[in-house]
Amino acid sequence: MAIEEIQNLCDVHAEVFKGSIEEIHRSAEPSELPSHPANVLKSENRALEKLMEKIEAADSQINTNMLKRLYQGLDIHYKKKENLFFPYMEKYGISAPPKVMWGVDDEIWGMLLDSPWR
């Protein structure tokens, strides 16, 4: 299956189950601890989403500081994933998820670079 097809399925899957899994299952996983790298990345995702919502709501009155914060936040966030998670996954033969995540990250950068408020 092509990576692009998997990415599209991931988008559909995420939209269908948005929030419901968290509500049903409360995990005692170590990754749910506030200091766990996976939880840190999740928290960063939520903060970046809120910032993007503010930017979208501002529409034509975009604050350049908000855009700088978004780009810097995304850059730091993606570098963490690329340098912390992806190498370990690939080291243990887990190659498909990093490829999909790389593709999704590239899509997000593409949307940001093509946006009308850039």
N, C-alpha and C. Protein backbone atom coordinates (compact mmCIF):
# COMPACT_ATOMS: atom_id res chain seq x y z
N MET A 1 0.86 -1.18 0.00
CA MET A 1 0.00 0.00 0.00
C MET A 1 0.90 1.23 0.00
N ALA A 2 0.56 2.22 -0.78
CA ALA A 2 1.36 3.44 -0.89
C ALA A 2 1.26 4.25 0.40
N ILE A 3 2.35 4.92 0.75
CA ILE A 3 2.41 5.75 1.96
C ILE A 3 1.30 6.80 1.93
N GLU A 4 1.03 7.39 0.77
CA GLU A 4 -0.01 8.41 0.65
C GLU A 4 -1.38 7.84 1.02
N GLU A 5 -1.64 6.60 0.63
CA GLU A 5 -2.92 5.97 0.96
C GLU A 5 -3.03 5.76 2.47
N ILE A 6 -1.93 5.34 3.08
CA ILE A 6 -1.92 5.14 4.54
C ILE A 6 -2.16 6.47 5.24
N GLN A 7 -1.54 7.55 4.75
CA GLN A 7 -1.74 8.87 5.35
C GLN A 7 -3.21 9.28 5.27
N ASN A 8 -3.84 9.05 4.11
CA ASN A 8 -5.25 9.38 3.97
C ASN A 8 -6.10 8.56 4.93
N LEU A 9 -5.79 7.28 5.08
CA LEU A 9 -6.53 6.44 6.01
C LEU A 9 -6.32 6.91 7.45
N CYS A 10 -5.12 7.35 7.77
CA CYS A 10 -4.85 7.88 9.12
C CYS A 10 -5.71 9.10 9.40
N ASP A 11 -5.83 9.99 8.41
CA ASP A 11 -6.66 11.18 8.56
C ASP A 11 -8.11 10.80 8.82
N VAL A 12 -8.63 9.84 8.05
CA VAL A 12 -10.00 9.38 8.22
C VAL A 12 -10.18 8.74 9.59
N HIS A 13 -9.24 7.89 9.97
CA HIS A 13 -9.30 7.21 11.27
C HIS A 13 -9.31 8.21 12.41
N ALA A 14 -8.42 9.19 12.35
CA ALA A 14 -8.34 10.20 13.41
C ALA A 14 -9.63 10.99 13.51
N GLU A 15 -10.23 11.34 12.39
CA GLU A 15 -11.46 12.11 12.39
C GLU A 15 -12.62 11.31 12.96
N VAL A 16 -12.70 10.02 12.59
CA VAL A 16 -13.80 9.17 13.05
C VAL A 16 -13.76 8.99 14.57
N PHE A 17 -12.56 8.77 15.11
CA PHE A 17 -12.45 8.47 16.53
C PHE A 17 -12.03 9.67 17.38
N LYS A 18 -12.08 10.84 16.84
CA LYS A 18 -11.64 12.05 17.51
C LYS A 18 -12.21 12.15 18.93
N GLY A 19 -11.35 12.04 19.92
CA GLY A 19 -11.74 12.19 21.31
C GLY A 19 -12.40 10.99 21.95
N SER A 20 -13.03 10.12 21.18
CA SER A 20 -13.80 9.04 21.80
C SER A 20 -12.93 8.01 22.49
N ILE A 21 -11.78 7.72 21.96
CA ILE A 21 -10.92 6.71 22.57
C ILE A 21 -10.43 7.19 23.93
N GLU A 22 -10.04 8.46 24.03
CA GLU A 22 -9.58 9.00 25.31
C GLU A 22 -10.69 8.95 26.35
N GLU A 23 -11.91 9.22 25.94
CA GLU A 23 -13.02 9.22 26.88
C GLU A 23 -13.34 7.83 27.39
N ILE A 24 -13.18 6.83 26.56
CA ILE A 24 -13.53 5.46 26.93
C ILE A 24 -12.43 4.79 27.73
N HIS A 25 -11.19 4.99 27.32
CA HIS A 25 -10.07 4.28 27.92
C HIS A 25 -9.10 5.25 28.59
N ARG A 26 -8.99 5.12 29.88
CA ARG A 26 -7.99 5.88 30.62
C ARG A 26 -6.81 4.94 30.83
N SER A 27 -5.66 5.31 30.31
CA SER A 27 -4.51 4.42 30.31
C SER A 27 -3.59 4.66 31.50
N ALA A 28 -2.99 3.58 31.98
CA ALA A 28 -1.97 3.67 33.02
C ALA A 28 -0.60 3.51 32.37
N GLU A 29 -0.53 3.74 31.07
CA GLU A 29 0.71 3.61 30.31
C GLU A 29 1.75 4.61 30.79
N PRO A 30 3.01 4.21 30.78
CA PRO A 30 4.07 5.16 31.12
C PRO A 30 4.07 6.37 30.18
N SER A 31 3.67 6.18 28.93
CA SER A 31 3.66 7.29 27.98
C SER A 31 2.63 8.36 28.34
N GLU A 32 1.75 8.07 29.28
CA GLU A 32 0.75 9.05 29.72
C GLU A 32 1.30 9.95 30.83
N LEU A 33 2.46 9.60 31.35
CA LEU A 33 3.06 10.44 32.39
C LEU A 33 3.48 11.78 31.79
N PRO A 34 3.31 12.88 32.51
CA PRO A 34 3.62 14.20 31.96
C PRO A 34 5.04 14.36 31.41
N SER A 35 6.00 13.67 32.00
CA SER A 35 7.39 13.84 31.56
C SER A 35 7.81 12.88 30.45
N HIS A 36 6.94 11.95 30.07
CA HIS A 36 7.30 10.98 29.03
C HIS A 36 7.41 11.71 27.68
N PRO A 37 8.44 11.41 26.88
CA PRO A 37 8.60 12.10 25.58
C PRO A 37 7.36 12.05 24.69
N ALA A 38 6.66 10.93 24.67
CA ALA A 38 5.45 10.84 23.84
C ALA A 38 4.38 11.80 24.33
N ASN A 39 4.25 11.92 25.65
CA ASN A 39 3.26 12.83 26.22
C ASN A 39 3.67 14.28 25.97
N VAL A 40 4.96 14.56 26.04
CA VAL A 40 5.45 15.91 25.75
C VAL A 40 5.08 16.29 24.31
N LEU A 41 5.30 15.37 23.37
CA LEU A 41 4.95 15.64 21.98
C LEU A 41 3.45 15.83 21.80
N LYS A 42 2.65 15.05 22.52
CA LYS A 42 1.20 15.23 22.45
C LYS A 42 0.80 16.61 22.97
N SER A 43 1.40 17.02 24.08
CA SER A 43 1.10 18.34 24.65
C SER A 43 1.50 19.45 23.68
N GLU A 44 2.65 19.27 23.03
CA GLU A 44 3.07 20.25 22.04
C GLU A 44 2.09 20.31 20.88
N ASN A 45 1.61 19.14 20.45
CA ASN A 45 0.60 19.12 19.38
C ASN A 45 -0.61 19.94 19.76
N ARG A 46 -1.12 19.76 20.98
CA ARG A 46 -2.30 20.50 21.43
C ARG A 46 -2.01 22.01 21.45
N ALA A 47 -0.84 22.40 21.94
CA ALA A 47 -0.50 23.82 21.99
C ALA A 47 -0.39 24.41 20.59
N LEU A 48 0.21 23.66 19.66
CA LEU A 48 0.33 24.14 18.28
C LEU A 48 -1.05 24.23 17.62
N GLU A 49 -1.93 23.28 17.93
CA GLU A 49 -3.29 23.33 17.38
C GLU A 49 -4.01 24.59 17.86
N LYS A 50 -3.88 24.91 19.14
CA LYS A 50 -4.53 26.12 19.68
C LYS A 50 -3.98 27.37 19.01
N LEU A 51 -2.67 27.41 18.80
CA LEU A 51 -2.07 28.56 18.14
C LEU A 51 -2.58 28.68 16.70
N MET A 52 -2.68 27.54 15.99
CA MET A 52 -3.20 27.57 14.62
C MET A 52 -4.65 28.03 14.60
N GLU A 53 -5.43 27.64 15.58
CA GLU A 53 -6.83 28.08 15.66
C GLU A 53 -6.90 29.60 15.84
N LYS A 54 -6.02 30.15 16.68
CA LYS A 54 -5.97 31.59 16.87
C LYS A 54 -5.61 32.30 15.57
N ILE A 55 -4.66 31.73 14.85
CA ILE A 55 -4.23 32.33 13.59
C ILE A 55 -5.38 32.28 12.58
N GLU A 56 -6.07 31.14 12.50
CA GLU A 56 -7.20 31.02 11.58
C GLU A 56 -8.31 32.00 11.95
N ALA A 57 -8.56 32.17 13.24
CA ALA A 57 -9.61 33.08 13.69
C ALA A 57 -9.25 34.53 13.40
N ALA A 58 -7.96 34.84 13.43
CA ALA A 58 -7.52 36.21 13.18
C ALA A 58 -7.68 36.59 11.71
N ASP A 59 -7.66 35.59 10.83
CA ASP A 59 -7.86 35.75 9.39
C ASP A 59 -6.95 36.84 8.82
N SER A 60 -7.49 37.97 8.44
CA SER A 60 -6.69 38.99 7.75
C SER A 60 -5.85 39.82 8.71
N GLN A 61 -6.08 39.67 9.99
CA GLN A 61 -5.34 40.44 10.97
C GLN A 61 -4.28 39.58 11.65
N ILE A 62 -3.52 38.86 10.83
CA ILE A 62 -2.51 37.94 11.35
C ILE A 62 -1.39 38.71 12.01
N ASN A 63 -1.02 38.27 13.16
CA ASN A 63 0.09 38.84 13.90
C ASN A 63 1.36 38.08 13.51
N THR A 64 2.37 38.78 13.03
CA THR A 64 3.59 38.10 12.60
C THR A 64 4.28 37.37 13.74
N ASN A 65 4.11 37.84 14.97
CA ASN A 65 4.69 37.13 16.12
C ASN A 65 4.03 35.77 16.31
N MET A 66 2.73 35.70 16.05
CA MET A 66 2.03 34.42 16.15
C MET A 66 2.57 33.45 15.11
N LEU A 67 2.80 33.94 13.91
CA LEU A 67 3.34 33.08 12.85
C LEU A 67 4.75 32.61 13.18
N LYS A 68 5.56 33.50 13.71
CA LYS A 68 6.92 33.11 14.10
C LYS A 68 6.87 32.04 15.18
N ARG A 69 5.99 32.21 16.16
CA ARG A 69 5.86 31.21 17.22
C ARG A 69 5.42 29.87 16.64
N LEU A 70 4.48 29.90 15.68
CA LEU A 70 4.01 28.67 15.07
C LEU A 70 5.14 27.97 14.32
N TYR A 71 5.84 28.70 13.49
CA TYR A 71 6.92 28.09 12.71
C TYR A 71 8.04 27.57 13.62
N GLN A 72 8.40 28.34 14.64
CA GLN A 72 9.43 27.88 15.58
C GLN A 72 8.96 26.65 16.35
N GLY A 73 7.70 26.67 16.79
CA GLY A 73 7.16 25.54 17.53
C GLY A 73 7.12 24.28 16.69
N LEU A 74 6.69 24.42 15.44
CA LEU A 74 6.65 23.26 14.54
C LEU A 74 8.05 22.74 14.26
N ASP A 75 8.98 23.65 14.05
CA ASP A 75 10.35 23.25 13.76
C ASP A 75 10.95 22.45 14.92
N ILE A 76 10.79 22.94 16.13
CA ILE A 76 11.30 22.25 17.31
C ILE A 76 10.59 20.90 17.49
N HIS A 77 9.28 20.92 17.36
CA HIS A 77 8.48 19.71 17.54
C HIS A 77 8.89 18.63 16.55
N TYR A 78 8.98 18.99 15.28
CA TYR A 78 9.32 18.00 14.27
C TYR A 78 10.76 17.51 14.42
N LYS A 79 11.66 18.37 14.82
CA LYS A 79 13.04 17.93 15.03
C LYS A 79 13.12 16.91 16.17
N LYS A 80 12.33 17.11 17.20
CA LYS A 80 12.29 16.13 18.30
C LYS A 80 11.84 14.77 17.77
N LYS A 81 10.74 14.76 17.02
CA LYS A 81 10.24 13.49 16.48
C LYS A 81 11.29 12.86 15.57
N GLU A 82 11.86 13.67 14.69
CA GLU A 82 12.80 13.15 13.70
C GLU A 82 14.08 12.63 14.33
N ASN A 83 14.50 13.25 15.43
CA ASN A 83 15.78 12.88 16.04
C ASN A 83 15.65 11.95 17.25
N LEU A 84 14.46 11.89 17.85
CA LEU A 84 14.27 11.03 19.03
C LEU A 84 13.51 9.75 18.69
N PHE A 85 12.36 9.89 18.07
CA PHE A 85 11.50 8.74 17.83
C PHE A 85 11.87 7.96 16.58
N PHE A 86 12.00 8.65 15.47
CA PHE A 86 12.20 7.96 14.20
C PHE A 86 13.43 7.07 14.20
N PRO A 87 14.59 7.53 14.68
CA PRO A 87 15.77 6.65 14.65
C PRO A 87 15.59 5.37 15.47
N TYR A 88 14.94 5.48 16.62
CA TYR A 88 14.73 4.29 17.45
C TYR A 88 13.76 3.32 16.78
N MET A 89 12.73 3.86 16.19
CA MET A 89 11.77 2.99 15.51
C MET A 89 12.46 2.27 14.35
N GLU A 90 13.22 3.02 13.57
CA GLU A 90 13.90 2.42 12.42
C GLU A 90 14.98 1.43 12.86
N LYS A 91 15.64 1.73 13.99
CA LYS A 91 16.67 0.83 14.53
C LYS A 91 16.09 -0.55 14.82
N TYR A 92 14.85 -0.59 15.25
CA TYR A 92 14.21 -1.85 15.59
C TYR A 92 13.32 -2.38 14.46
N GLY A 93 13.55 -1.88 13.26
CA GLY A 93 12.85 -2.40 12.09
C GLY A 93 11.44 -1.90 11.90
N ILE A 94 11.08 -0.87 12.62
CA ILE A 94 9.74 -0.28 12.47
C ILE A 94 9.89 0.90 11.50
N SER A 95 9.61 0.64 10.24
CA SER A 95 9.88 1.67 9.24
C SER A 95 8.63 2.36 8.69
N ALA A 96 7.50 1.69 8.67
CA ALA A 96 6.30 2.29 8.07
C ALA A 96 5.79 3.51 8.85
N PRO A 97 5.64 3.44 10.19
CA PRO A 97 5.13 4.63 10.90
C PRO A 97 6.00 5.88 10.70
N PRO A 98 7.34 5.78 10.78
CA PRO A 98 8.11 7.00 10.53
C PRO A 98 7.92 7.54 9.12
N LYS A 99 7.80 6.66 8.14
CA LYS A 99 7.57 7.13 6.76
C LYS A 99 6.25 7.87 6.66
N VAL A 100 5.22 7.33 7.30
CA VAL A 100 3.92 7.99 7.28
C VAL A 100 4.00 9.33 7.99
N MET A 101 4.64 9.34 9.17
CA MET A 101 4.75 10.60 9.92
C MET A 101 5.57 11.64 9.16
N TRP A 102 6.65 11.22 8.49
CA TRP A 102 7.41 12.15 7.65
C TRP A 102 6.48 12.76 6.61
N GLY A 103 5.68 11.92 5.97
CA GLY A 103 4.77 12.40 4.93
C GLY A 103 3.75 13.38 5.46
N VAL A 104 3.18 13.08 6.63
CA VAL A 104 2.21 13.98 7.24
C VAL A 104 2.88 15.30 7.60
N ASP A 105 4.07 15.24 8.17
CA ASP A 105 4.81 16.46 8.51
C ASP A 105 5.06 17.30 7.25
N ASP A 106 5.44 16.63 6.17
CA ASP A 106 5.67 17.34 4.91
C ASP A 106 4.39 18.00 4.40
N GLU A 107 3.25 17.30 4.55
CA GLU A 107 1.97 17.88 4.14
C GLU A 107 1.66 19.14 4.94
N ILE A 108 1.90 19.08 6.24
CA ILE A 108 1.62 20.23 7.11
C ILE A 108 2.50 21.41 6.71
N TRP A 109 3.80 21.15 6.52
CA TRP A 109 4.69 22.23 6.08
C TRP A 109 4.22 22.80 4.75
N GLY A 110 3.80 21.93 3.84
CA GLY A 110 3.31 22.39 2.54
C GLY A 110 2.10 23.30 2.67
N MET A 111 1.15 22.92 3.54
CA MET A 111 -0.03 23.75 3.75
C MET A 111 0.36 25.11 4.32
N LEU A 112 1.29 25.09 5.27
CA LEU A 112 1.71 26.35 5.88
C LEU A 112 2.44 27.24 4.87
N LEU A 113 3.29 26.64 4.07
CA LEU A 113 4.06 27.42 3.10
C LEU A 113 3.18 27.94 1.97
N ASP A 114 2.09 27.23 1.68
CA ASP A 114 1.18 27.65 0.61
C ASP A 114 0.03 28.54 1.12
N SER A 115 -0.01 28.77 2.43
CA SER A 115 -1.15 29.49 2.99
C SER A 115 -1.16 30.95 2.52
N PRO A 116 -2.33 31.53 2.44
CA PRO A 116 -2.45 32.91 1.98
C PRO A 116 -1.86 33.93 2.95
N TRP A 117 -1.68 33.57 4.21
CA TRP A 117 -1.16 34.52 5.19
C TRP A 117 0.32 34.38 5.41
N ARG A 118 0.99 33.65 4.55
CA ARG A 118 2.44 33.49 4.67
C ARG A 118 3.13 34.73 4.15
